[in-house]
Every structure is written in structure tokens, then in C-alpha cells.
Amino acid sequence: MAMSGEDSLRKLVEEGGRVKSQLTKFKNFCDQFGTTTAIDSLQERLNRNITLIDKFDAIQERIEALVAGSPEEEAHRQIRDIFETMYFDVVGRVRGYVQRAQNPMPSATTPQHSLRIATSPAMSETAAKVRLPSIPLPSFNGSLGDWVYFRDSFESLINRNEGLSNIERFYYLKSSVKGEAARALKFLAMSNENYSEAWKLLHERYEDTNELIDHHVGAIFDLPSVAKESPIELRQLLDDFNNNLSRLNR
């Protein structure tokens, strides 16, 4: 007997729930024991859970196909967003633990005659908790004038980061693009295989050399004239000129 659409949806939701439970269990373990677990053991746990995103995607795509156009569509889209946020947060943190353990920062050698300052355990503990602020990713909404800056920044921060998988790069890319640029990627399912296609698609759409040259040359000629000798306005004019000129040289 063929399974009804409602029964199929319920079964898929149950399967997705089991995958979410596995991720939640992994996250809870890492929150409690991530920094104290032996690195080899932590790496094994990461390896076992790294495929959860692919399992979830396969189930969620079928769910979203069944609820397309229904009142439940938005709720299931939010479920995907919540899962992906949790997944990339915990996987990113665990990879960070492993990488820092395997490649510790070299300690600075103290010169023989340098001043030695005694530190109490409380001071050492405070220093150990200091964290640099996270680097915000650039955003891109399809404006041609912002493409070169976005492209170069994303290449440096994400594409050249060997600690990231393609699906993590895809997540960061989709989080960074807005408006027209986001619509260009809307119908590409998030997967390792589709990341290269997504980045190529943006390149083909915004990398047109002639259009970029026309845009930045036009922006230079359209710079407003300075009505009076105002240091602030002159500085702003110079900044705008140099920004557009630097884009032409890339």
C-alpha cells in the first residue's frame, strides 16, 4: 500500500528529528567537555558527526518539497536555519580546539636580562579567557562597486582557509550575500559539491572587466566638486577617488 503524502512527511520529520538529536547530543558534550577531552577522542567524535549536515540536507530537501507552497513552508525553512547555525557553530569550535592543540602558538623566549613580572593564578586565568573579537565577514548585495572588495576579502578570509570544508564555505557565502546576489544562489542546494558552482556563478555575474572599469571610471568622473576648502570634504573626495582607483588596479 502506497504511503500518503501526510505519512511521508511525518516519517521524514521523525528522521530529521533523530539527526537533530544527534547534533544536540554532540553540542552538549562539546559545551561541557570540549576543552578537557583528549584531542584524539575529540577528533573521532568530530569525524563521526561531520556527516550530519549531509544527512539533514537530504531529509530536509524532501520535506521542503512536500510542504512547498503550504503554510508550513516557512516553519521548515526556519528549522533548516536553526540546524545549520548549530552545526557550523559546534563544528567550527571543535575544529578550532583540534587545530590549536595540534599547532600550538610558539612561546616567546624571554631575554636573559628582561624584566620579569610575577603573575598570580587569578591574573593568569583572566588572561587565558581573553579572546580577540571575531572578524566580521564582508557583505555583498550585488552592487558592482562593492564586488572587488567583497571578492578579495572573501578569498582571503574563507577560500584560502584550509581549515574549512566547502560546505562551511558555502554557509559563509550564503550568510554574506544579500539582495540580488542572494537571489542568484537561491536555487543551489547547500552541499560540498555546489560550493564551487556558487562561487563560479557570482564570478560570472559580477567579474565582467569592462563593466567594472566603466563603473569605477564613471564613479571617478561623478565625484562631487568641493564648494569650499573644507578639510573634511577634501579628505572625503580623496578617499573616494583612491577607492575607485584602487579597484581599477585590481
Protein backbone atom coordinates (compact mmCIF):
# COMPACT_ATOMS: atom_id res chain seq x y z
CA MET A 1 0.00 0.00 0.00
CA ALA A 2 1.42 3.38 -1.05
CA MET A 3 2.25 5.81 1.72
CA SER A 4 0.22 9.06 1.71
CA GLY A 5 1.89 12.45 1.49
CA GLU A 6 1.00 13.16 5.13
CA ASP A 7 2.52 9.86 6.28
CA SER A 8 5.65 10.51 4.20
CA LEU A 9 6.02 13.94 5.74
CA ARG A 10 5.59 12.60 9.28
CA LYS A 11 8.20 9.90 8.65
CA LEU A 12 10.68 12.42 7.23
CA VAL A 13 10.13 14.78 10.16
CA GLU A 14 10.87 11.90 12.54
CA GLU A 15 14.08 11.08 10.64
CA GLY A 16 15.11 14.73 10.73
CA GLY A 17 14.37 14.82 14.45
CA ARG A 18 16.77 11.94 15.04
CA VAL A 19 19.53 13.76 13.16
CA LYS A 20 18.87 16.93 15.17
CA SER A 21 19.04 14.89 18.39
CA GLN A 22 22.46 13.55 17.39
CA LEU A 23 23.71 17.07 16.73
CA THR A 24 22.28 18.35 20.03
CA LYS A 25 23.97 15.49 21.90
CA PHE A 26 27.30 16.32 20.23
CA LYS A 27 26.89 20.03 21.02
CA ASN A 28 26.03 19.36 24.67
CA PHE A 29 29.10 17.14 25.02
CA CYS A 30 31.36 19.80 23.46
CA ASP A 31 29.87 22.58 25.60
CA GLN A 32 30.62 20.59 28.75
CA PHE A 33 33.78 18.64 27.92
CA GLY A 34 35.13 20.05 24.63
CA THR A 35 38.13 21.84 26.15
CA THR A 36 39.08 19.00 28.51
CA THR A 37 38.65 15.93 26.27
CA ALA A 38 41.76 14.32 24.76
CA ILE A 39 42.31 15.68 21.25
CA ASP A 40 42.34 12.23 19.60
CA SER A 41 38.99 11.41 21.19
CA LEU A 42 37.56 14.78 20.22
CA GLN A 43 38.72 14.30 16.63
CA GLU A 44 36.98 10.90 16.49
CA ARG A 45 33.75 12.43 17.76
CA LEU A 46 34.04 15.17 15.15
CA ASN A 47 34.61 12.61 12.38
CA ARG A 48 31.53 10.67 13.45
CA ASN A 49 29.29 13.76 13.48
CA ILE A 50 30.67 15.66 10.48
CA THR A 51 28.26 13.92 8.09
CA LEU A 52 25.16 15.05 10.00
CA ILE A 53 24.79 18.08 7.72
CA ASP A 54 24.57 15.88 4.62
CA LYS A 55 22.03 13.56 6.27
CA PHE A 56 19.95 16.53 7.39
CA ASP A 57 20.10 18.20 3.96
CA ALA A 58 18.91 15.03 2.22
CA ILE A 59 15.92 14.73 4.57
CA GLN A 60 15.11 18.45 4.69
CA GLU A 61 15.10 18.84 0.91
CA ARG A 62 12.43 16.14 0.68
CA ILE A 63 10.43 17.77 3.47
CA GLU A 64 10.60 21.20 1.83
CA ALA A 65 9.49 19.71 -1.49
CA LEU A 66 6.41 18.23 0.22
CA VAL A 67 5.44 21.46 2.04
CA ALA A 68 6.27 23.86 -0.81
CA GLY A 69 3.50 26.47 -1.10
CA SER A 70 1.84 25.42 2.17
CA PRO A 71 1.63 27.39 5.45
CA GLU A 72 4.29 25.04 6.88
CA GLU A 73 6.93 26.04 4.32
CA GLU A 74 8.37 28.95 6.34
CA ALA A 75 8.49 26.92 9.57
CA HIS A 76 10.56 24.20 7.91
CA ARG A 77 12.86 26.80 6.37
CA GLN A 78 13.49 28.16 9.87
CA ILE A 79 14.20 24.63 11.11
CA ARG A 80 16.91 24.37 8.46
CA ASP A 81 18.41 27.72 9.52
CA ILE A 82 18.48 26.70 13.19
CA PHE A 83 20.11 23.34 12.43
CA GLU A 84 22.77 24.87 10.16
CA THR A 85 23.60 27.58 12.70
CA MET A 86 24.07 24.99 15.46
CA TYR A 87 26.05 22.65 13.19
CA PHE A 88 28.55 25.21 11.94
CA ASP A 89 28.97 26.69 15.41
CA VAL A 90 29.86 23.39 17.09
CA VAL A 91 31.92 22.01 14.18
CA GLY A 92 33.84 25.29 13.90
CA ARG A 93 34.58 25.32 17.63
CA VAL A 94 35.75 21.71 17.72
CA ARG A 95 37.97 22.19 14.69
CA GLY A 96 39.42 25.21 16.43
CA TYR A 97 40.21 23.16 19.55
CA VAL A 98 41.88 20.44 17.47
CA GLN A 99 43.90 22.83 15.32
CA ARG A 100 45.16 24.83 18.30
CA ALA A 101 46.18 21.62 20.07
CA GLN A 102 47.98 20.25 17.01
CA ASN A 103 49.63 23.57 16.11
CA PRO A 104 50.25 25.43 19.38
CA MET A 105 51.48 29.01 19.15
CA PRO A 106 55.24 29.18 19.83
CA SER A 107 56.03 30.75 23.16
CA ALA A 108 58.12 33.89 23.11
CA THR A 109 61.63 33.44 24.52
CA THR A 110 62.26 35.73 27.44
CA PRO A 111 65.56 37.66 27.13
CA GLN A 112 68.05 36.89 29.90
CA HIS A 113 68.11 40.45 31.24
CA SER A 114 64.48 41.36 30.63
CA LEU A 115 62.24 42.44 33.48
CA ARG A 116 60.29 39.51 34.89
CA ILE A 117 56.82 40.28 36.25
CA ALA A 118 55.26 37.79 38.63
CA THR A 119 51.64 36.93 37.89
CA SER A 120 49.15 35.44 40.26
CA PRO A 121 46.99 32.44 39.27
CA ALA A 122 43.99 34.77 39.11
CA MET A 123 45.77 37.06 36.64
CA SER A 124 46.82 34.07 34.51
CA GLU A 125 43.27 32.74 34.46
CA THR A 126 41.94 36.15 33.40
CA ALA A 127 44.50 36.40 30.60
CA ALA A 128 43.61 32.92 29.37
CA LYS A 129 39.99 34.00 28.95
CA VAL A 130 40.84 36.96 26.73
CA ARG A 131 39.58 36.45 23.18
CA LEU A 132 40.07 38.66 20.19
CA PRO A 133 36.82 39.88 18.60
CA SER A 134 35.65 37.77 15.67
CA ILE A 135 36.35 39.17 12.22
CA PRO A 136 33.05 40.15 10.55
CA LEU A 137 32.64 38.88 7.02
CA PRO A 138 32.01 41.46 4.30
CA SER A 139 28.52 41.53 2.84
CA PHE A 140 27.62 41.90 -0.82
CA ASN A 141 24.21 42.88 -2.19
CA GLY A 142 25.00 42.81 -5.92
CA SER A 143 26.32 46.36 -6.19
CA LEU A 144 29.03 46.32 -8.85
CA GLY A 145 31.11 48.87 -6.96
CA ASP A 146 31.45 46.55 -3.97
CA TRP A 147 32.32 43.37 -5.88
CA VAL A 148 36.12 43.67 -5.94
CA TYR A 149 36.35 44.40 -2.21
CA PHE A 150 33.96 41.54 -1.39
CA ARG A 151 35.74 39.12 -3.73
CA ASP A 152 39.21 39.83 -2.34
CA SER A 153 38.06 39.78 1.29
CA PHE A 154 36.13 36.54 0.92
CA GLU A 155 39.07 34.92 -0.88
CA SER A 156 41.43 35.86 1.96
CA LEU A 157 39.16 35.02 4.90
CA ILE A 158 37.27 31.98 3.61
CA ASN A 159 38.52 30.42 0.37
CA ARG A 160 42.17 30.31 1.48
CA ASN A 161 41.30 29.00 4.93
CA GLU A 162 42.36 25.35 4.66
CA GLY A 163 40.57 24.50 7.91
CA LEU A 164 37.15 24.96 6.27
CA SER A 165 35.23 22.43 4.21
CA ASN A 166 33.36 23.51 1.09
CA ILE A 167 30.00 23.23 2.81
CA GLU A 168 31.24 25.59 5.53
CA ARG A 169 32.46 27.99 2.85
CA PHE A 170 29.02 27.73 1.22
CA TYR A 171 27.37 28.57 4.55
CA TYR A 172 29.55 31.65 4.98
CA LEU A 173 28.90 32.70 1.38
CA LYS A 174 25.13 32.44 1.74
CA SER A 175 25.35 34.36 5.02
CA SER A 176 27.31 37.16 3.32
CA VAL A 177 25.30 37.78 0.15
CA LYS A 178 22.11 39.84 0.18
CA GLY A 179 19.54 41.09 -2.30
CA GLU A 180 20.27 40.36 -5.95
CA ALA A 181 23.40 38.36 -5.15
CA ALA A 182 21.46 36.14 -2.71
CA ARG A 183 18.75 35.50 -5.29
CA ALA A 184 21.39 34.28 -7.72
CA LEU A 185 22.26 31.45 -5.29
CA LYS A 186 18.75 30.75 -4.02
CA PHE A 187 18.16 27.59 -6.01
CA LEU A 188 21.54 25.97 -5.32
CA ALA A 189 21.19 23.42 -2.52
CA MET A 190 23.85 23.75 0.17
CA SER A 191 26.36 20.95 -0.36
CA ASN A 192 30.09 20.41 -0.76
CA GLU A 193 29.67 19.86 -4.49
CA ASN A 194 27.63 23.01 -5.12
CA TYR A 195 30.02 25.47 -3.46
CA SER A 196 32.34 25.74 -6.46
CA GLU A 197 29.32 26.28 -8.70
CA ALA A 198 28.02 29.04 -6.41
CA TRP A 199 31.34 30.92 -6.35
CA LYS A 200 31.71 30.50 -10.12
CA LEU A 201 28.19 31.84 -10.64
CA LEU A 202 28.97 35.04 -8.72
CA HIS A 203 32.23 35.46 -10.64
CA GLU A 204 30.48 35.12 -13.98
CA ARG A 205 27.80 37.61 -12.98
CA TYR A 206 29.97 40.35 -11.45
CA GLU A 207 33.50 39.84 -12.81
CA ASP A 208 32.86 41.46 -16.21
CA THR A 209 36.03 43.55 -16.62
CA ASN A 210 34.54 46.12 -18.98
CA GLU A 211 31.56 46.76 -16.72
CA LEU A 212 33.81 47.11 -13.68
CA ILE A 213 36.07 49.59 -15.50
CA ASP A 214 33.09 51.61 -16.73
CA HIS A 215 31.59 51.67 -13.26
CA HIS A 216 34.70 52.90 -11.44
CA VAL A 217 35.74 55.36 -14.16
CA GLY A 218 32.21 56.76 -14.10
CA ALA A 219 32.34 56.99 -10.31
CA ILE A 220 35.57 59.00 -10.51
CA PHE A 221 34.11 61.46 -13.02
CA ASP A 222 30.93 61.74 -10.95
CA LEU A 223 32.76 62.76 -7.79
CA PRO A 224 31.16 65.96 -6.44
CA SER A 225 33.08 69.22 -6.60
CA VAL A 226 34.18 70.80 -3.34
CA ALA A 227 32.42 74.14 -2.90
CA LYS A 228 34.84 75.46 -0.30
CA GLU A 229 38.19 74.44 1.09
CA SER A 230 36.89 72.15 3.79
CA PRO A 231 39.48 69.65 5.11
CA ILE A 232 36.73 67.10 5.76
CA GLU A 233 35.25 67.38 2.25
CA LEU A 234 38.69 67.31 0.63
CA ARG A 235 39.61 64.20 2.60
CA GLN A 236 36.35 62.52 1.62
CA LEU A 237 36.91 63.41 -2.04
CA LEU A 238 40.44 61.99 -1.91
CA ASP A 239 39.22 58.78 -0.20
CA ASP A 240 36.50 58.23 -2.83
CA PHE A 241 38.95 58.87 -5.64
CA ASN A 242 41.56 56.47 -4.20
CA ASN A 243 38.96 53.77 -3.51
CA ASN A 244 37.74 53.75 -7.10
CA LEU A 245 41.29 53.98 -8.45
CA SER A 246 42.40 51.00 -6.36
CA ARG A 247 39.51 48.94 -7.76
CA LEU A 248 40.69 49.74 -11.31
CA ASN A 249 44.18 48.47 -10.48
CA ARG A 250 42.96 45.01 -9.35
